[in-house]
C-alpha cells in the first residue's frame, strides 16, 4: 500500500514539475518513474512468497532496494543546456 501511495505522490509531483527541484530533466523523471513501477509487483510477489519462504521474500525486497540504489546512481538529474 505504501508503494502505491508513493507512486501516486510521485505522479502528482511530476505532473507539472512545480514540486521538483528546478532543472531536473524529463529523462530523469521518466527513468525514476520506470524504476518505481517495479515496486508494487515485486512487493506483491514477496508478500505471496513470504507465506512459504520468508527468507526468500526478504531477499526479494533487499534485491529491489539494491536495484533502486544502483539504478539511481546512473540517472543524470540535470538538464544539459543546448548550445
PDB file of N, CA and C in Angstrom:
ATOM      1  N   UNK A   1       0.814  -1.192   0.000  1.00  0.00           N
ATOM      2  CA  UNK A   1       0.000   0.000   0.000  1.00  0.00           C
ATOM      3  C   UNK A   1       0.863   1.264   0.000  1.00  0.00           C
ATOM      4  N   UNK A   2       1.970   1.218   0.718  1.00  0.00           N
ATOM      5  CA  UNK A   2       2.832   2.389   0.766  1.00  0.00           C
ATOM      6  C   UNK A   2       3.419   2.672  -0.608  1.00  0.00           C
ATOM      7  N   UNK A   3       3.775   1.607  -1.333  1.00  0.00           N
ATOM      8  CA  UNK A   3       4.330   1.793  -2.668  1.00  0.00           C
ATOM      9  C   UNK A   3       3.307   2.416  -3.610  1.00  0.00           C
ATOM     10  N   UNK A   4       2.063   2.000  -3.510  1.00  0.00           N
ATOM     11  CA  UNK A   4       1.021   2.615  -4.338  1.00  0.00           C
ATOM     12  C   UNK A   4       0.857   4.088  -3.995  1.00  0.00           C
ATOM     13  N   UNK A   5       0.849   4.406  -2.717  1.00  0.00           N
ATOM     14  CA  UNK A   5       0.729   5.798  -2.297  1.00  0.00           C
ATOM     15  C   UNK A   5       1.923   6.618  -2.778  1.00  0.00           C
ATOM     16  N   UNK A   6       3.124   6.026  -2.711  1.00  0.00           N
ATOM     17  CA  UNK A   6       4.300   6.750  -3.170  1.00  0.00           C
ATOM     18  C   UNK A   6       4.241   6.994  -4.674  1.00  0.00           C
ATOM     19  N   UNK A   7       3.797   5.989  -5.430  1.00  0.00           N
ATOM     20  CA  UNK A   7       3.677   6.174  -6.881  1.00  0.00           C
ATOM     21  C   UNK A   7       2.667   7.254  -7.221  1.00  0.00           C
ATOM     22  N   UNK A   8       1.559   7.316  -6.478  1.00  0.00           N
ATOM     23  CA  UNK A   8       0.585   8.387  -6.700  1.00  0.00           C
ATOM     24  C   UNK A   8       1.168   9.751  -6.339  1.00  0.00           C
ATOM     25  N   UNK A   9       1.911   9.806  -5.252  1.00  0.00           N
ATOM     26  CA  UNK A   9       2.565  11.047  -4.855  1.00  0.00           C
ATOM     27  C   UNK A   9       3.580  11.483  -5.911  1.00  0.00           C
ATOM     28  N   UNK A  10       4.347  10.540  -6.421  1.00  0.00           N
ATOM     29  CA  UNK A  10       5.346  10.845  -7.452  1.00  0.00           C
ATOM     30  C   UNK A  10       4.652  11.343  -8.725  1.00  0.00           C
ATOM     31  N   UNK A  11       3.540  10.720  -9.094  1.00  0.00           N
ATOM     32  CA  UNK A  11       2.793  11.148 -10.268  1.00  0.00           C
ATOM     33  C   UNK A  11       2.307  12.591 -10.093  1.00  0.00           C
ATOM     34  N   UNK A  12       1.812  12.902  -8.926  1.00  0.00           N
ATOM     35  CA  UNK A  12       1.335  14.255  -8.661  1.00  0.00           C
ATOM     36  C   UNK A  12       2.488  15.261  -8.687  1.00  0.00           C
ATOM     37  N   UNK A  13       3.617  14.877  -8.113  1.00  0.00           N
ATOM     38  CA  UNK A  13       4.760  15.792  -8.048  1.00  0.00           C
ATOM     39  C   UNK A  13       5.350  16.055  -9.421  1.00  0.00           C
ATOM     40  N   UNK A  14       5.293  15.075 -10.299  1.00  0.00           N
ATOM     41  CA  UNK A  14       5.903  15.243 -11.614  1.00  0.00           C
ATOM     42  C   UNK A  14       4.935  15.729 -12.682  1.00  0.00           C
ATOM     43  N   UNK A  15       3.673  15.861 -12.336  1.00  0.00           N
ATOM     44  CA  UNK A  15       2.696  16.241 -13.360  1.00  0.00           C
ATOM     45  C   UNK A  15       2.957  17.634 -13.925  1.00  0.00           C
ATOM     46  N   UNK A  16       3.349  18.577 -13.090  1.00  0.00           N
ATOM     47  CA  UNK A  16       3.650  19.918 -13.603  1.00  0.00           C
ATOM     48  C   UNK A  16       5.048  20.401 -13.208  1.00  0.00           C
ATOM     49  N   UNK A  17       5.814  19.559 -12.537  1.00  0.00           N
ATOM     50  CA  UNK A  17       7.205  19.815 -12.141  1.00  0.00           C
ATOM     51  C   UNK A  17       7.346  20.974 -11.156  1.00  0.00           C
ATOM     52  N   UNK A  18       6.250  21.478 -10.600  1.00  0.00           N
ATOM     53  CA  UNK A  18       6.355  22.574  -9.636  1.00  0.00           C
ATOM     54  C   UNK A  18       6.907  22.099  -8.292  1.00  0.00           C
ATOM     55  N   UNK A  19       6.696  20.834  -7.984  1.00  0.00           N
ATOM     56  CA  UNK A  19       7.141  20.305  -6.699  1.00  0.00           C
ATOM     57  C   UNK A  19       8.541  19.701  -6.750  1.00  0.00           C
ATOM     58  N   UNK A  20       9.164  19.725  -7.927  1.00  0.00           N
ATOM     59  CA  UNK A  20      10.513  19.177  -8.088  1.00  0.00           C
ATOM     60  C   UNK A  20      11.534  20.303  -8.086  1.00  0.00           C
ATOM     61  N   UNK A  21      12.767  19.943  -7.828  1.00  0.00           N
ATOM     62  CA  UNK A  21      13.798  20.973  -7.856  1.00  0.00           C
ATOM     63  C   UNK A  21      13.973  21.485  -9.287  1.00  0.00           C
ATOM     64  N   UNK A  22      14.309  22.742  -9.432  1.00  0.00           N
ATOM     65  CA  UNK A  22      14.473  23.317 -10.776  1.00  0.00           C
ATOM     66  C   UNK A  22      15.625  22.643 -11.516  1.00  0.00           C
ATOM     67  N   UNK A  23      15.434  22.421 -12.796  1.00  0.00           N
ATOM     68  CA  UNK A  23      16.500  21.890 -13.628  1.00  0.00           C
ATOM     69  C   UNK A  23      16.518  20.384 -13.781  1.00  0.00           C
ATOM     70  N   UNK A  24      15.614  19.671 -13.150  1.00  0.00           N
ATOM     71  CA  UNK A  24      15.602  18.217 -13.312  1.00  0.00           C
ATOM     72  C   UNK A  24      15.094  17.884 -14.714  1.00  0.00           C
ATOM     73  N   UNK A  25      15.753  16.951 -15.352  1.00  0.00           N
ATOM     74  CA  UNK A  25      15.429  16.654 -16.745  1.00  0.00           C
ATOM     75  C   UNK A  25      14.216  15.737 -16.849  1.00  0.00           C
ATOM     76  N   UNK A  26      13.549  15.821 -17.984  1.00  0.00           N
ATOM     77  CA  UNK A  26      12.404  14.945 -18.239  1.00  0.00           C
ATOM     78  C   UNK A  26      12.844  13.489 -18.325  1.00  0.00           C
ATOM     79  N   UNK A  27      14.042  13.250 -18.846  1.00  0.00           N
ATOM     80  CA  UNK A  27      14.565  11.886 -18.935  1.00  0.00           C
ATOM     81  C   UNK A  27      14.770  11.298 -17.538  1.00  0.00           C
ATOM     82  N   UNK A  28      15.250  12.096 -16.610  1.00  0.00           N
ATOM     83  CA  UNK A  28      15.447  11.622 -15.232  1.00  0.00           C
ATOM     84  C   UNK A  28      14.112  11.291 -14.585  1.00  0.00           C
ATOM     85  N   UNK A  29      13.114  12.120 -14.814  1.00  0.00           N
ATOM     86  CA  UNK A  29      11.779  11.866 -14.262  1.00  0.00           C
ATOM     87  C   UNK A  29      11.237  10.558 -14.822  1.00  0.00           C
ATOM     88  N   UNK A  30      11.404  10.363 -16.119  1.00  0.00           N
ATOM     89  CA  UNK A  30      10.923   9.138 -16.764  1.00  0.00           C
ATOM     90  C   UNK A  30      11.639   7.900 -16.221  1.00  0.00           C
ATOM     91  N   UNK A  31      12.973   7.988 -16.060  1.00  0.00           N
ATOM     92  CA  UNK A  31      13.737   6.849 -15.545  1.00  0.00           C
ATOM     93  C   UNK A  31      13.342   6.525 -14.106  1.00  0.00           C
ATOM     94  N   UNK A  32      13.159   7.537 -13.284  1.00  0.00           N
ATOM     95  CA  UNK A  32      12.740   7.299 -11.903  1.00  0.00           C
ATOM     96  C   UNK A  32      11.352   6.670 -11.851  1.00  0.00           C
ATOM     97  N   UNK A  33      10.439   7.191 -12.658  1.00  0.00           N
ATOM     98  CA  UNK A  33       9.089   6.625 -12.692  1.00  0.00           C
ATOM     99  C   UNK A  33       9.125   5.154 -13.105  1.00  0.00           C
ATOM    100  N   UNK A  34       9.904   4.839 -14.127  1.00  0.00           N
ATOM    101  CA  UNK A  34      10.002   3.454 -14.576  1.00  0.00           C
ATOM    102  C   UNK A  34      10.602   2.555 -13.499  1.00  0.00           C
ATOM    103  N   UNK A  35      11.584   3.054 -12.769  1.00  0.00           N
ATOM    104  CA  UNK A  35      12.173   2.261 -11.687  1.00  0.00           C
ATOM    105  C   UNK A  35      11.166   2.022 -10.563  1.00  0.00           C
ATOM    106  N   UNK A  36      10.388   3.034 -10.230  1.00  0.00           N
ATOM    107  CA  UNK A  36       9.418   2.896  -9.143  1.00  0.00           C
ATOM    108  C   UNK A  36       8.281   1.950  -9.500  1.00  0.00           C
ATOM    109  N   UNK A  37       7.996   1.802 -10.785  1.00  0.00           N
ATOM    110  CA  UNK A  37       6.903   0.920 -11.202  1.00  0.00           C
ATOM    111  C   UNK A  37       7.199  -0.552 -10.905  1.00  0.00           C
ATOM    112  N   UNK A  38       8.456  -0.902 -10.715  1.00  0.00           N
ATOM    113  CA  UNK A  38       8.811  -2.281 -10.355  1.00  0.00           C
ATOM    114  C   UNK A  38       8.407  -2.610  -8.918  1.00  0.00           C
ATOM    115  N   UNK A  39       8.185  -1.608  -8.109  1.00  0.00           N
ATOM    116  CA  UNK A  39       7.948  -1.819  -6.690  1.00  0.00           C
ATOM    117  C   UNK A  39       6.717  -2.632  -6.358  1.00  0.00           C
ATOM    118  N   UNK A  40       5.559  -2.230  -6.866  1.00  0.00           N
ATOM    119  CA  UNK A  40       4.324  -2.906  -6.466  1.00  0.00           C
ATOM    120  C   UNK A  40       4.302  -4.388  -6.838  1.00  0.00           C
ATOM    121  N   UNK A  41       4.593  -4.761  -8.103  1.00  0.00           N
ATOM    122  CA  UNK A  41       4.565  -6.192  -8.407  1.00  0.00           C
ATOM    123  C   UNK A  41       5.608  -6.987  -7.634  1.00  0.00           C
ATOM    124  N   UNK A  42       6.756  -6.366  -7.374  1.00  0.00           N
ATOM    125  CA  UNK A  42       7.800  -7.060  -6.622  1.00  0.00           C
ATOM    126  C   UNK A  42       7.385  -7.256  -5.173  1.00  0.00           C
ATOM    127  N   UNK A  43       6.830  -6.226  -4.556  1.00  0.00           N
ATOM    128  CA  UNK A  43       6.350  -6.362  -3.181  1.00  0.00           C
ATOM    129  C   UNK A  43       5.191  -7.355  -3.094  1.00  0.00           C
ATOM    130  N   UNK A  44       4.336  -7.375  -4.091  1.00  0.00           N
ATOM    131  CA  UNK A  44       3.233  -8.330  -4.104  1.00  0.00           C
ATOM    132  C   UNK A  44       3.765  -9.760  -4.192  1.00  0.00           C
ATOM    133  N   UNK A  45       4.754  -9.977  -5.045  1.00  0.00           N
ATOM    134  CA  UNK A  45       5.373 -11.302  -5.151  1.00  0.00           C
ATOM    135  C   UNK A  45       6.036 -11.694  -3.832  1.00  0.00           C
ATOM    136  N   UNK A  46       6.731 -10.751  -3.214  1.00  0.00           N
ATOM    137  CA  UNK A  46       7.374 -11.038  -1.930  1.00  0.00           C
ATOM    138  C   UNK A  46       6.338 -11.368  -0.858  1.00  0.00           C
ATOM    139  N   UNK A  47       5.197 -10.689  -0.894  1.00  0.00           N
ATOM    140  CA  UNK A  47       4.137 -10.964   0.072  1.00  0.00           C
ATOM    141  C   UNK A  47       3.615 -12.393  -0.078  1.00  0.00           C
ATOM    142  N   UNK A  48       3.369 -12.800  -1.315  1.00  0.00           N
ATOM    143  CA  UNK A  48       2.868 -14.157  -1.560  1.00  0.00           C
ATOM    144  C   UNK A  48       3.910 -15.192  -1.157  1.00  0.00           C
ATOM    145  N   UNK A  49       5.166 -14.961  -1.525  1.00  0.00           N
ATOM    146  CA  UNK A  49       6.247 -15.895  -1.213  1.00  0.00           C
ATOM    147  C   UNK A  49       6.475 -15.974   0.294  1.00  0.00           C
ATOM    148  N   UNK A  50       6.205 -14.901   1.010  1.00  0.00           N
ATOM    149  CA  UNK A  50       6.509 -14.855   2.446  1.00  0.00           C
ATOM    150  C   UNK A  50       5.760 -15.907   3.261  1.00  0.00           C
ATOM    151  N   UNK A  51       4.628 -16.369   2.768  1.00  0.00           N
ATOM    152  CA  UNK A  51       3.885 -17.396   3.496  1.00  0.00           C
ATOM    153  C   UNK A  51       4.582 -18.755   3.451  1.00  0.00           C
ATOM    154  N   UNK A  52       5.391 -18.959   2.444  1.00  0.00           N
ATOM    155  CA  UNK A  52       6.061 -20.251   2.270  1.00  0.00           C
ATOM    156  C   UNK A  52       7.559 -20.176   2.561  1.00  0.00           C
ATOM    157  N   UNK A  53       8.196 -19.100   2.115  1.00  0.00           N
ATOM    158  CA  UNK A  53       9.639 -18.926   2.270  1.00  0.00           C
ATOM    159  C   UNK A  53       9.937 -17.492   2.725  1.00  0.00           C
ATOM    160  N   UNK A  54       9.855 -17.226   4.010  1.00  0.00           N
ATOM    161  CA  UNK A  54      10.045 -15.847   4.486  1.00  0.00           C
ATOM    162  C   UNK A  54      11.426 -15.282   4.170  1.00  0.00           C
ATOM    163  N   UNK A  55      12.446 -16.121   4.224  1.00  0.00           N
ATOM    164  CA  UNK A  55      13.796 -15.625   3.914  1.00  0.00           C
ATOM    165  C   UNK A  55      13.909 -15.197   2.453  1.00  0.00           C
ATOM    166  N   UNK A  56      13.283 -15.943   1.568  1.00  0.00           N
ATOM    167  CA  UNK A  56      13.292 -15.584   0.154  1.00  0.00           C
ATOM    168  C   UNK A  56      12.540 -14.270  -0.068  1.00  0.00           C
ATOM    169  N   UNK A  57      11.440 -14.082   0.624  1.00  0.00           N
ATOM    170  CA  UNK A  57      10.671 -12.841   0.493  1.00  0.00           C
ATOM    171  C   UNK A  57      11.507 -11.636   0.927  1.00  0.00           C
ATOM    172  N   UNK A  58      12.221 -11.786   2.022  1.00  0.00           N
ATOM    173  CA  UNK A  58      13.093 -10.702   2.471  1.00  0.00           C
ATOM    174  C   UNK A  58      14.197 -10.447   1.455  1.00  0.00           C
ATOM    175  N   UNK A  59      14.729 -11.501   0.884  1.00  0.00           N
ATOM    176  CA  UNK A  59      15.775 -11.355  -0.138  1.00  0.00           C
ATOM    177  C   UNK A  59      15.248 -10.632  -1.367  1.00  0.00           C
ATOM    178  N   UNK A  60      14.020 -10.916  -1.753  1.00  0.00           N
ATOM    179  CA  UNK A  60      13.416 -10.228  -2.897  1.00  0.00           C
ATOM    180  C   UNK A  60      13.336  -8.728  -2.629  1.00  0.00           C
ATOM    181  N   UNK A  61      12.908  -8.362  -1.439  1.00  0.00           N
ATOM    182  CA  UNK A  61      12.813  -6.933  -1.086  1.00  0.00           C
ATOM    183  C   UNK A  61      14.187  -6.274  -1.067  1.00  0.00           C
ATOM    184  N   UNK A  62      15.166  -6.953  -0.504  1.00  0.00           N
ATOM    185  CA  UNK A  62      16.520  -6.395  -0.442  1.00  0.00           C
ATOM    186  C   UNK A  62      17.078  -6.210  -1.852  1.00  0.00           C
ATOM    187  N   UNK A  63      16.844  -7.183  -2.729  1.00  0.00           N
ATOM    188  CA  UNK A  63      17.316  -7.051  -4.109  1.00  0.00           C
ATOM    189  C   UNK A  63      16.656  -5.863  -4.812  1.00  0.00           C
ATOM    190  N   UNK A  64      15.389  -5.634  -4.527  1.00  0.00           N
ATOM    191  CA  UNK A  64      14.718  -4.471  -5.100  1.00  0.00           C
ATOM    192  C   UNK A  64      15.346  -3.176  -4.596  1.00  0.00           C
ATOM    193  N   UNK A  65      15.654  -3.109  -3.318  1.00  0.00           N
ATOM    194  CA  UNK A  65      16.288  -1.905  -2.769  1.00  0.00           C
ATOM    195  C   UNK A  65      17.671  -1.684  -3.353  1.00  0.00           C
ATOM    196  N   UNK A  66      18.427  -2.760  -3.542  1.00  0.00           N
ATOM    197  CA  UNK A  66      19.750  -2.650  -4.159  1.00  0.00           C
ATOM    198  C   UNK A  66      19.612  -2.176  -5.601  1.00  0.00           C
ATOM    199  N   UNK A  67      18.623  -2.706  -6.309  1.00  0.00           N
ATOM    200  CA  UNK A  67      18.370  -2.262  -7.681  1.00  0.00           C
ATOM    201  C   UNK A  67      18.078  -0.772  -7.727  1.00  0.00           C
ATOM    202  N   UNK A  68      17.196  -0.305  -6.820  1.00  0.00           N
ATOM    203  CA  UNK A  68      16.878   1.116  -6.804  1.00  0.00           C
ATOM    204  C   UNK A  68      18.106   1.963  -6.481  1.00  0.00           C
ATOM    205  N   UNK A  69      18.923   1.522  -5.547  1.00  0.00           N
ATOM    206  CA  UNK A  69      20.117   2.285  -5.180  1.00  0.00           C
ATOM    207  C   UNK A  69      21.106   2.333  -6.343  1.00  0.00           C
ATOM    208  N   UNK A  70      21.309   1.212  -7.000  1.00  0.00           N
ATOM    209  CA  UNK A  70      22.271   1.160  -8.108  1.00  0.00           C
ATOM    210  C   UNK A  70      21.764   1.918  -9.326  1.00  0.00           C
ATOM    211  N   UNK A  71      20.489   1.788  -9.634  1.00  0.00           N
ATOM    212  CA  UNK A  71      19.972   2.439 -10.838  1.00  0.00           C
ATOM    213  C   UNK A  71      19.834   3.949 -10.656  1.00  0.00           C
ATOM    214  N   UNK A  72      19.628   4.415  -9.444  1.00  0.00           N
ATOM    215  CA  UNK A  72      19.501   5.861  -9.252  1.00  0.00           C
ATOM    216  C   UNK A  72      20.835   6.572  -9.416  1.00  0.00           C
ATOM    217  N   UNK A  73      21.931   5.865  -9.219  1.00  0.00           N
ATOM    218  CA  UNK A  73      23.241   6.490  -9.421  1.00  0.00           C
ATOM    219  C   UNK A  73      23.533   6.721 -10.894  1.00  0.00           C
ATOM    220  N   UNK A  74      22.858   6.001 -11.787  1.00  0.00           N
ATOM    221  CA  UNK A  74      23.112   6.116 -13.219  1.00  0.00           C
ATOM    222  C   UNK A  74      22.287   7.216 -13.881  1.00  0.00           C
ATOM    223  N   UNK A  75      21.395   7.826 -13.136  1.00  0.00           N
ATOM    224  CA  UNK A  75      20.489   8.818 -13.710  1.00  0.00           C
ATOM    225  C   UNK A  75      21.127  10.202 -13.651  1.00  0.00           C
ATOM    226  N   UNK A  76      21.139  10.882 -14.785  1.00  0.00           N
ATOM    227  CA  UNK A  76      21.614  12.256 -14.839  1.00  0.00           C
ATOM    228  C   UNK A  76      20.422  13.166 -14.543  1.00  0.00           C
ATOM    229  N   UNK A  77      20.457  13.812 -13.382  1.00  0.00           N
ATOM    230  CA  UNK A  77      19.308  14.580 -12.911  1.00  0.00           C
ATOM    231  C   UNK A  77      19.228  15.987 -13.486  1.00  0.00           C
ATOM    232  N   UNK A  78      20.290  16.485 -14.053  1.00  0.00           N
ATOM    233  CA  UNK A  78      20.267  17.871 -14.533  1.00  0.00           C
ATOM    234  C   UNK A  78      20.116  17.899 -16.041  1.00  0.00           C
ATOM    235  N   UNK A  79      19.430  18.920 -16.493  1.00  0.00           N
ATOM    236  CA  UNK A  79      19.273  19.122 -17.927  1.00  0.00           C
ATOM    237  C   UNK A  79      20.570  19.723 -18.453  1.00  0.00           C
ATOM    238  N   UNK A  80      21.006  19.218 -19.573  1.00  0.00           N
ATOM    239  CA  UNK A  80      22.200  19.784 -20.191  1.00  0.00           C
ATOM    240  C   UNK A  80      21.776  20.914 -21.115  1.00  0.00           C
ATOM    241  N   UNK A  81      22.398  22.070 -20.979  1.00  0.00           N
ATOM    242  CA  UNK A  81      21.997  23.203 -21.815  1.00  0.00           C
ATOM    243  C   UNK A  81      22.375  22.957 -23.273  1.00  0.00           C
ATOM    244  N   UNK A  82      21.501  23.353 -24.170  1.00  0.00           N
ATOM    245  CA  UNK A  82      21.750  23.228 -25.600  1.00  0.00           C
ATOM    246  C   UNK A  82      22.393  24.494 -26.121  1.00  0.00           C
ATOM    247  N   UNK A  83      23.400  24.297 -26.907  1.00  0.00           N
ATOM    248  CA  UNK A  83      24.115  25.467 -27.464  1.00  0.00           C
ATOM    249  C   UNK A  83      23.684  25.747 -28.870  1.00  0.00           C
TER     250      UNK A  83
END
